[in-house]
Each structure stands twice: as C-alpha cells, then as structure tokens.
C-alpha atoms as a PDB file:
ATOM      1  CA  MET A   1       0.000  -0.003   0.002  1.00  0.00           C
ATOM      2  CA  LYS A   2       1.099   3.572  -0.631  1.00  0.00           C
ATOM      3  CA  VAL A   3       1.177   5.687   2.523  1.00  0.00           C
ATOM      4  CA  GLY A   4       1.444   9.481   2.639  1.00  0.00           C
ATOM      5  CA  ILE A   5       2.664  11.005   5.888  1.00  0.00           C
ATOM      6  CA  LEU A   6       2.263  14.700   6.642  1.00  0.00           C
ATOM      7  CA  GLY A   7       5.010  15.722   9.054  1.00  0.00           C
ATOM      8  CA  SER A   8       8.742  15.056   8.996  1.00  0.00           C
ATOM      9  CA  GLY A   9       9.594  15.244  12.701  1.00  0.00           C
ATOM     10  CA  ASP A  10      10.341  12.312  15.010  1.00  0.00           C
ATOM     11  CA  VAL A  11       6.744  11.066  14.857  1.00  0.00           C
ATOM     12  CA  GLY A  12       6.483  11.181  11.073  1.00  0.00           C
ATOM     13  CA  ARG A  13       9.857   9.521  10.523  1.00  0.00           C
ATOM     14  CA  ALA A  14       9.144   6.784  13.105  1.00  0.00           C
ATOM     15  CA  LEU A  15       5.807   5.985  11.483  1.00  0.00           C
ATOM     16  CA  GLY A  16       7.448   6.067   8.059  1.00  0.00           C
ATOM     17  CA  THR A  17      10.024   3.512   9.220  1.00  0.00           C
ATOM     18  CA  GLY A  18       7.278   1.304  10.604  1.00  0.00           C
ATOM     19  CA  PHE A  19       5.281   1.368   7.379  1.00  0.00           C
ATOM     20  CA  VAL A  20       8.369   0.686   5.234  1.00  0.00           C
ATOM     21  CA  SER A  21       9.356  -2.175   7.554  1.00  0.00           C
ATOM     22  CA  SER A  22       5.872  -3.629   7.032  1.00  0.00           C
ATOM     23  CA  GLY A  23       6.367  -3.559   3.255  1.00  0.00           C
ATOM     24  CA  HIS A  24       4.504  -0.361   2.364  1.00  0.00           C
ATOM     25  CA  GLU A  25       5.690   2.505   0.161  1.00  0.00           C
ATOM     26  CA  VAL A  26       5.970   5.805   2.054  1.00  0.00           C
ATOM     27  CA  ARG A  27       6.189   9.432   1.040  1.00  0.00           C
ATOM     28  CA  ILE A  28       6.735  11.997   3.792  1.00  0.00           C
ATOM     29  CA  GLY A  29       5.413  15.490   3.140  1.00  0.00           C
ATOM     30  CA  THR A  30       7.255  18.451   4.584  1.00  0.00           C
ATOM     31  CA  ARG A  31       8.037  22.144   4.220  1.00  0.00           C
ATOM     32  CA  HIS A  32      11.774  21.326   4.377  1.00  0.00           C
ATOM     33  CA  PRO A  33      12.619  18.389   2.057  1.00  0.00           C
ATOM     34  CA  GLU A  34      16.376  18.864   2.414  1.00  0.00           C
ATOM     35  CA  GLU A  35      16.422  18.771   6.211  1.00  0.00           C
ATOM     36  CA  PRO A  36      19.431  16.531   7.119  1.00  0.00           C
ATOM     37  CA  LYS A  37      17.499  14.199   9.460  1.00  0.00           C
ATOM     38  CA  LEU A  38      14.869  13.653   6.796  1.00  0.00           C
ATOM     39  CA  VAL A  39      17.398  12.961   4.043  1.00  0.00           C
ATOM     40  CA  GLU A  40      19.143  10.532   6.404  1.00  0.00           C
ATOM     41  CA  TRP A  41      15.797   8.816   7.023  1.00  0.00           C
ATOM     42  CA  ARG A  42      15.111   8.443   3.307  1.00  0.00           C
ATOM     43  CA  ASN A  43      18.590   7.012   2.670  1.00  0.00           C
ATOM     44  CA  SER A  44      18.332   4.509   5.534  1.00  0.00           C
ATOM     45  CA  ALA A  45      14.731   3.502   4.783  1.00  0.00           C
ATOM     46  CA  GLY A  46      15.574   2.478   1.227  1.00  0.00           C
ATOM     47  CA  PRO A  47      13.809   2.562  -2.161  1.00  0.00           C
ATOM     48  CA  LYS A  48      10.279   2.399  -0.737  1.00  0.00           C
ATOM     49  CA  ALA A  49      10.807   5.789   0.983  1.00  0.00           C
ATOM     50  CA  SER A  50      10.501   9.219  -0.626  1.00  0.00           C
ATOM     51  CA  ILE A  51      10.064  12.886   0.315  1.00  0.00           C
ATOM     52  CA  GLY A  52       7.778  15.564  -1.140  1.00  0.00           C
ATOM     53  CA  THR A  53       5.531  18.449  -0.271  1.00  0.00           C
ATOM     54  CA  PHE A  54       2.422  18.070   1.890  1.00  0.00           C
ATOM     55  CA  SER A  55       0.382  17.957  -1.325  1.00  0.00           C
ATOM     56  CA  ASP A  56       2.688  15.337  -2.852  1.00  0.00           C
ATOM     57  CA  ALA A  57       2.373  13.083   0.177  1.00  0.00           C
ATOM     58  CA  ALA A  58      -1.415  13.452   0.499  1.00  0.00           C
ATOM     59  CA  SER A  59      -2.049  12.663  -3.166  1.00  0.00           C
ATOM     60  CA  PHE A  60       0.498   9.796  -3.152  1.00  0.00           C
ATOM     61  CA  GLY A  61      -1.085   7.925  -0.278  1.00  0.00           C
ATOM     62  CA  GLU A  62      -3.827   5.338  -0.609  1.00  0.00           C
ATOM     63  CA  LEU A  63      -3.865   5.876   3.174  1.00  0.00           C
ATOM     64  CA  ASP A  64      -2.630   9.104   4.728  1.00  0.00           C
ATOM     65  CA  VAL A  65      -1.243   9.903   8.169  1.00  0.00           C
ATOM     66  CA  VAL A  66      -1.275  13.296   9.887  1.00  0.00           C
ATOM     67  CA  ALA A  67       1.837  13.471  12.082  1.00  0.00           C
ATOM     68  CA  THR A  68       2.425  17.217  12.287  1.00  0.00           C
ATOM     69  CA  LEU A  69       3.021  19.444  15.284  1.00  0.00           C
ATOM     70  CA  GLY A  70      -0.402  20.053  16.809  1.00  0.00           C
ATOM     71  CA  SER A  71      -0.342  23.809  16.313  1.00  0.00           C
ATOM     72  CA  ALA A  72       0.689  23.397  12.663  1.00  0.00           C
ATOM     73  CA  THR A  73      -1.808  20.681  11.746  1.00  0.00           C
ATOM     74  CA  LEU A  74      -4.663  22.629  10.199  1.00  0.00           C
ATOM     75  CA  ASP A  75      -2.274  24.778   8.144  1.00  0.00           C
ATOM     76  CA  ALA A  76      -0.552  21.637   6.875  1.00  0.00           C
ATOM     77  CA  LEU A  77      -3.894  20.151   5.824  1.00  0.00           C
ATOM     78  CA  ARG A  78      -4.736  23.343   3.975  1.00  0.00           C
ATOM     79  CA  LEU A  79      -1.400  23.261   2.153  1.00  0.00           C
ATOM     80  CA  ALA A  80      -1.882  19.568   1.329  1.00  0.00           C
ATOM     81  CA  GLY A  81      -5.316  20.231  -0.200  1.00  0.00           C
ATOM     82  CA  PRO A  82      -8.368  18.615   1.423  1.00  0.00           C
ATOM     83  CA  GLU A  83      -9.419  17.221  -1.960  1.00  0.00           C
ATOM     84  CA  HIS A  84      -6.410  14.855  -1.865  1.00  0.00           C
ATOM     85  CA  PHE A  85      -7.833  13.051   1.192  1.00  0.00           C
ATOM     86  CA  LYS A  86     -11.320  12.432  -0.184  1.00  0.00           C
ATOM     87  CA  GLY A  87     -12.549   8.886   0.435  1.00  0.00           C
ATOM     88  CA  LYS A  88      -9.299   7.848   2.137  1.00  0.00           C
ATOM     89  CA  VAL A  89      -8.572   6.488   5.568  1.00  0.00           C
ATOM     90  CA  VAL A  90      -6.583   9.131   7.436  1.00  0.00           C
ATOM     91  CA  ILE A  91      -4.764   8.322  10.677  1.00  0.00           C
ATOM     92  CA  ASP A  92      -4.542  11.305  12.999  1.00  0.00           C
ATOM     93  CA  ALA A  93      -1.493  10.861  15.233  1.00  0.00           C
ATOM     94  CA  THR A  94      -1.387  14.456  16.469  1.00  0.00           C
ATOM     95  CA  ASN A  95      -1.652  15.906  19.956  1.00  0.00           C
ATOM     96  CA  PRO A  96      -2.644  19.544  20.594  1.00  0.00           C
ATOM     97  CA  LEU A  97       0.235  20.193  22.980  1.00  0.00           C
ATOM     98  CA  GLU A  98       1.129  23.606  24.318  1.00  0.00           C
ATOM     99  CA  MET A  99       4.699  23.588  25.614  1.00  0.00           C
ATOM    100  CA  SER A 100       5.877  25.742  28.508  1.00  0.00           C
ATOM    101  CA  PRO A 101       9.425  26.065  29.885  1.00  0.00           C
ATOM    102  CA  ASN A 102      10.078  24.023  33.046  1.00  0.00           C
ATOM    103  CA  ALA A 103       6.515  22.648  33.151  1.00  0.00           C
ATOM    104  CA  PRO A 104       4.653  19.635  31.721  1.00  0.00           C
ATOM    105  CA  PRO A 105       2.776  20.298  28.489  1.00  0.00           C
ATOM    106  CA  GLN A 106      -0.903  21.219  28.429  1.00  0.00           C
ATOM    107  CA  LEU A 107      -3.590  20.828  25.744  1.00  0.00           C
ATOM    108  CA  PHE A 108      -4.715  23.870  23.780  1.00  0.00           C
ATOM    109  CA  VAL A 109      -7.854  21.962  22.708  1.00  0.00           C
ATOM    110  CA  GLY A 110      -9.968  19.868  25.045  1.00  0.00           C
ATOM    111  CA  GLN A 111     -13.130  18.962  26.936  1.00  0.00           C
ATOM    112  CA  THR A 112     -15.681  19.963  24.271  1.00  0.00           C
ATOM    113  CA  ASP A 113     -13.455  19.597  21.209  1.00  0.00           C
ATOM    114  CA  SER A 114     -10.319  17.758  20.084  1.00  0.00           C
ATOM    115  CA  MET A 115      -7.662  17.865  17.413  1.00  0.00           C
ATOM    116  CA  GLY A 116      -9.079  14.626  16.019  1.00  0.00           C
ATOM    117  CA  GLU A 117     -12.446  16.297  15.472  1.00  0.00           C
ATOM    118  CA  ARG A 118     -10.802  19.354  13.948  1.00  0.00           C
ATOM    119  CA  VAL A 119      -8.898  17.151  11.493  1.00  0.00           C
ATOM    120  CA  GLN A 120     -12.153  15.409  10.528  1.00  0.00           C
ATOM    121  CA  LYS A 121     -13.891  18.768  10.021  1.00  0.00           C
ATOM    122  CA  ALA A 122     -10.979  20.030   7.907  1.00  0.00           C
ATOM    123  CA  LEU A 123     -11.156  16.858   5.757  1.00  0.00           C
ATOM    124  CA  PRO A 124     -14.911  16.265   5.370  1.00  0.00           C
ATOM    125  CA  GLY A 125     -14.410  13.713   2.601  1.00  0.00           C
ATOM    126  CA  ALA A 126     -11.926  11.612   4.585  1.00  0.00           C
ATOM    127  CA  ARG A 127     -12.431   8.837   7.138  1.00  0.00           C
ATOM    128  CA  VAL A 128     -10.316   9.935  10.090  1.00  0.00           C
ATOM    129  CA  VAL A 129      -9.143   7.570  12.823  1.00  0.00           C
ATOM    130  CA  LYS A 130      -7.291   8.777  15.904  1.00  0.00           C
ATOM    131  CA  ALA A 131      -4.323   6.477  16.712  1.00  0.00           C
ATOM    132  CA  PHE A 132      -0.642   6.449  17.726  1.00  0.00           C
ATOM    133  CA  ASN A 133      -1.049   9.487  20.033  1.00  0.00           C
ATOM    134  CA  ILE A 134      -0.813   7.784  23.450  1.00  0.00           C
ATOM    135  CA  VAL A 135       2.787   6.502  23.328  1.00  0.00           C
ATOM    136  CA  GLY A 136       6.245   7.765  22.440  1.00  0.00           C
ATOM    137  CA  ASN A 137       7.466   7.382  18.864  1.00  0.00           C
ATOM    138  CA  ALA A 138      10.245   4.990  19.929  1.00  0.00           C
ATOM    139  CA  HIS A 139       7.580   2.339  20.518  1.00  0.00           C
ATOM    140  CA  PHE A 140       5.297   2.842  17.505  1.00  0.00           C
ATOM    141  CA  TYR A 141       6.619  -0.236  15.734  1.00  0.00           C
ATOM    142  CA  ARG A 142       6.842  -3.669  17.376  1.00  0.00           C
ATOM    143  CA  PRO A 143       6.682  -2.400  20.987  1.00  0.00           C
ATOM    144  CA  ASN A 144       8.509  -4.882  23.194  1.00  0.00           C
ATOM    145  CA  PHE A 145       7.447  -4.873  26.834  1.00  0.00           C
ATOM    146  CA  PRO A 146       7.716  -7.650  29.468  1.00  0.00           C
ATOM    147  CA  GLY A 147       3.943  -7.587  30.060  1.00  0.00           C
ATOM    148  CA  GLY A 148       3.173  -8.366  26.423  1.00  0.00           C
ATOM    149  CA  PRO A 149       1.980  -6.044  23.663  1.00  0.00           C
ATOM    150  CA  PRO A 150       0.468  -2.784  24.973  1.00  0.00           C
ATOM    151  CA  ASP A 151      -2.946  -1.516  23.917  1.00  0.00           C
ATOM    152  CA  MET A 152      -3.508   1.202  21.331  1.00  0.00           C
ATOM    153  CA  LEU A 153      -6.810   3.022  21.784  1.00  0.00           C
ATOM    154  CA  ILE A 154      -8.428   4.326  18.605  1.00  0.00           C
ATOM    155  CA  ALA A 155     -11.446   6.475  17.756  1.00  0.00           C
ATOM    156  CA  GLY A 156     -13.266   7.311  14.519  1.00  0.00           C
ATOM    157  CA  ASP A 157     -16.698   7.544  12.967  1.00  0.00           C
ATOM    158  CA  ASP A 158     -16.223   5.032  10.132  1.00  0.00           C
ATOM    159  CA  PRO A 159     -16.223   1.334  11.214  1.00  0.00           C
ATOM    160  CA  ALA A 160     -14.496   0.129   8.032  1.00  0.00           C
ATOM    161  CA  ALA A 161     -11.757   2.729   8.433  1.00  0.00           C
ATOM    162  CA  LYS A 162     -11.168   1.585  12.002  1.00  0.00           C
ATOM    163  CA  LYS A 163     -10.872  -2.003  10.812  1.00  0.00           C
ATOM    164  CA  THR A 164      -8.196  -0.883   8.333  1.00  0.00           C
ATOM    165  CA  VAL A 165      -6.272   0.935  11.068  1.00  0.00           C
ATOM    166  CA  GLU A 166      -6.676  -2.021  13.425  1.00  0.00           C
ATOM    167  CA  GLY A 167      -5.041  -4.218  10.781  1.00  0.00           C
ATOM    168  CA  ILE A 168      -2.125  -1.795  10.471  1.00  0.00           C
ATOM    169  CA  LEU A 169      -1.703  -1.641  14.232  1.00  0.00           C
ATOM    170  CA  LYS A 170      -1.603  -5.423  14.418  1.00  0.00           C
ATOM    171  CA  GLN A 171       1.113  -5.393  11.727  1.00  0.00           C
ATOM    172  CA  PHE A 172       2.950  -2.933  13.952  1.00  0.00           C
ATOM    173  CA  GLY A 173       2.602  -5.293  16.945  1.00  0.00           C
ATOM    174  CA  TRP A 174      -0.241  -3.685  18.918  1.00  0.00           C
ATOM    175  CA  SER A 175      -3.400  -4.892  20.611  1.00  0.00           C
ATOM    176  CA  VAL A 176      -6.276  -2.536  19.721  1.00  0.00           C
ATOM    177  CA  ILE A 177      -9.228  -1.118  21.672  1.00  0.00           C
ATOM    178  CA  ASP A 178     -11.901   0.828  19.776  1.00  0.00           C
ATOM    179  CA  ILE A 179     -13.428   3.497  22.025  1.00  0.00           C
ATOM    180  CA  GLY A 180     -16.049   4.774  19.563  1.00  0.00           C
ATOM    181  CA  GLY A 181     -16.559   7.850  17.388  1.00  0.00           C
ATOM    182  CA  ILE A 182     -14.059  10.595  16.574  1.00  0.00           C
ATOM    183  CA  ASP A 183     -15.327  12.551  19.589  1.00  0.00           C
ATOM    184  CA  GLY A 184     -13.422   9.894  21.551  1.00  0.00           C
ATOM    185  CA  ALA A 185     -10.331  11.908  20.689  1.00  0.00           C
ATOM    186  CA  ARG A 186     -11.423  14.165  23.559  1.00  0.00           C
ATOM    187  CA  ALA A 187     -10.482  11.264  25.850  1.00  0.00           C
ATOM    188  CA  LEU A 188      -7.438  10.037  23.896  1.00  0.00           C
ATOM    189  CA  GLU A 189      -5.542  13.317  23.637  1.00  0.00           C
ATOM    190  CA  PRO A 190      -5.369  13.857  27.428  1.00  0.00           C
ATOM    191  CA  ILE A 191      -3.903  10.351  27.694  1.00  0.00           C
ATOM    192  CA  CYS A 192      -0.806  11.819  26.029  1.00  0.00           C
ATOM    193  CA  LEU A 193      -0.475  14.140  29.041  1.00  0.00           C
ATOM    194  CA  ALA A 194      -0.871  11.181  31.403  1.00  0.00           C
ATOM    195  CA  TRP A 195       1.819   9.355  29.433  1.00  0.00           C
ATOM    196  CA  VAL A 196       4.223  12.319  29.699  1.00  0.00           C
ATOM    197  CA  ARG A 197       3.603  12.793  33.421  1.00  0.00           C
ATOM    198  CA  SER A 198       3.924   9.059  34.060  1.00  0.00           C
ATOM    199  CA  ALA A 199       7.238   8.966  32.195  1.00  0.00           C
ATOM    200  CA  MET A 200       8.526  11.959  34.159  1.00  0.00           C
ATOM    201  CA  GLY A 201       7.478  10.379  37.452  1.00  0.00           C
ATOM    202  CA  LEU A 202       9.010   7.008  36.605  1.00  0.00           C
ATOM    203  CA  GLY A 203      12.171   8.475  35.104  1.00  0.00           C
ATOM    204  CA  THR A 204      11.847   6.613  31.799  1.00  0.00           C
ATOM    205  CA  TRP A 205      10.120   7.146  28.449  1.00  0.00           C
ATOM    206  CA  ASP A 206       9.995   3.394  27.817  1.00  0.00           C
ATOM    207  CA  ILE A 207       6.400   3.010  28.959  1.00  0.00           C
ATOM    208  CA  ALA A 208       3.067   2.201  27.350  1.00  0.00           C
ATOM    209  CA  PHE A 209      -0.470   1.519  28.580  1.00  0.00           C
ATOM    210  CA  LYS A 210      -2.321  -1.782  28.787  1.00  0.00           C
ATOM    211  CA  VAL A 211      -5.911  -2.417  29.825  1.00  0.00           C
ATOM    212  CA  LEU A 212      -6.118  -5.369  32.210  1.00  0.00           C
ATOM    213  CA  ARG A 213      -8.975  -7.746  31.464  1.00  0.00           C
ATOM    214  CA  LYS A 214     -10.653 -10.245  33.754  1.00  0.00           C
END
C-alpha cells in the first residue's frame, strides 16, 4: 500500500520507518525536504521511501497519516489540499500540545473539542481515525514490553476505516481497543499528558499503557 505522511519530525519519521518495515511505500510530506535528518531517514529507509511536499504526500497515499506538530496541523492540511484526502482512511497521530518552559505540556484543545475532530472537520471527505497518540514514537513499531503487547486506543466515525487501522496496528505489533466515534479523541488526547507525566514520574520514556482484562 502507498502511505502518505504529513510531518517530517520524530513522529512522522518513526511511522514512516514502521510502514516501510511492514512492506509499504511511504512518502513523507514536509516544508523542508532537504532537512538533514529527513534525508538521512530516506537514505536509511531504502527505495520504498521518498520525500515531497504536503500535497505530494497526500495525493500519493492510498492511506494518509497526519503526524504534524499540533499547532501546525490545520495549516498543513490546507497546504496539502483537502481534496487529496477524499474517500481515504486518514490516521490522525497528532496531539494539541502547548509547551511551557520548566513545566509539563498542556492541551490547547480539550473537553468539548479535540484535534481529532478538527482534522475530521478540515477533511470532510476523509475517514479519520485517531491512533498512535498515546505512546512515544520509539515504541510505535513492534513495541517490546515484558507484560506483552500494549494496547492502542483508537477512535473514529467510520467502522471500516477503524478495521483498516486495526489491521495496520496489528502489523505494527499492537493490541487494539476501539473507544467509539471521533469525539473519543477528547479522551485520547489527554492520555498523552498522562503518558508524559507518568514517564517523568518514573524516570523513563519506555512506557506504554495496557488495559487489564478479567
């Protein structure tokens, strides 16, 4: 499958590596195609990896991923062209984080709205699924924890789109829990804050969440 990824930071590159490792073709869209870390990623990922503009990546993908900085997300979607997402499954991996010096991050969207819902509104023809936002990028692909595979919580309005994303997550080594419609992103995005605060309290970023079942 061809996968377009909007965003060339740590999250976008980590997801790109995971998709390439699973046999998919990946094009990362960016404002800065010659950024050294991105060129290094392309060279190490091999012939299935390429770089382009936001529009290039969105039109390339049979499935698209939004992996931009939260505050830059809507502008990136505008530059990509909402028409390029029409009918496609779109994974929203963003978090609306507001960073402050010497303090844990906060959300600039929450309670009655979410970035996931804003992405869906910006791409009315797409089938958006929130995923990959509750864990650090180092563990996106084949997370290896002593307690077994962690759980990835997902949310979206389209059942078929969620089944597609569930299949991808299983390729990536995750167990999946579907928490409902895209408004579920209002619950998922604060989990990122819980993950950050847990990591700070434990003194390690090598953590992920798992729902215990009985």
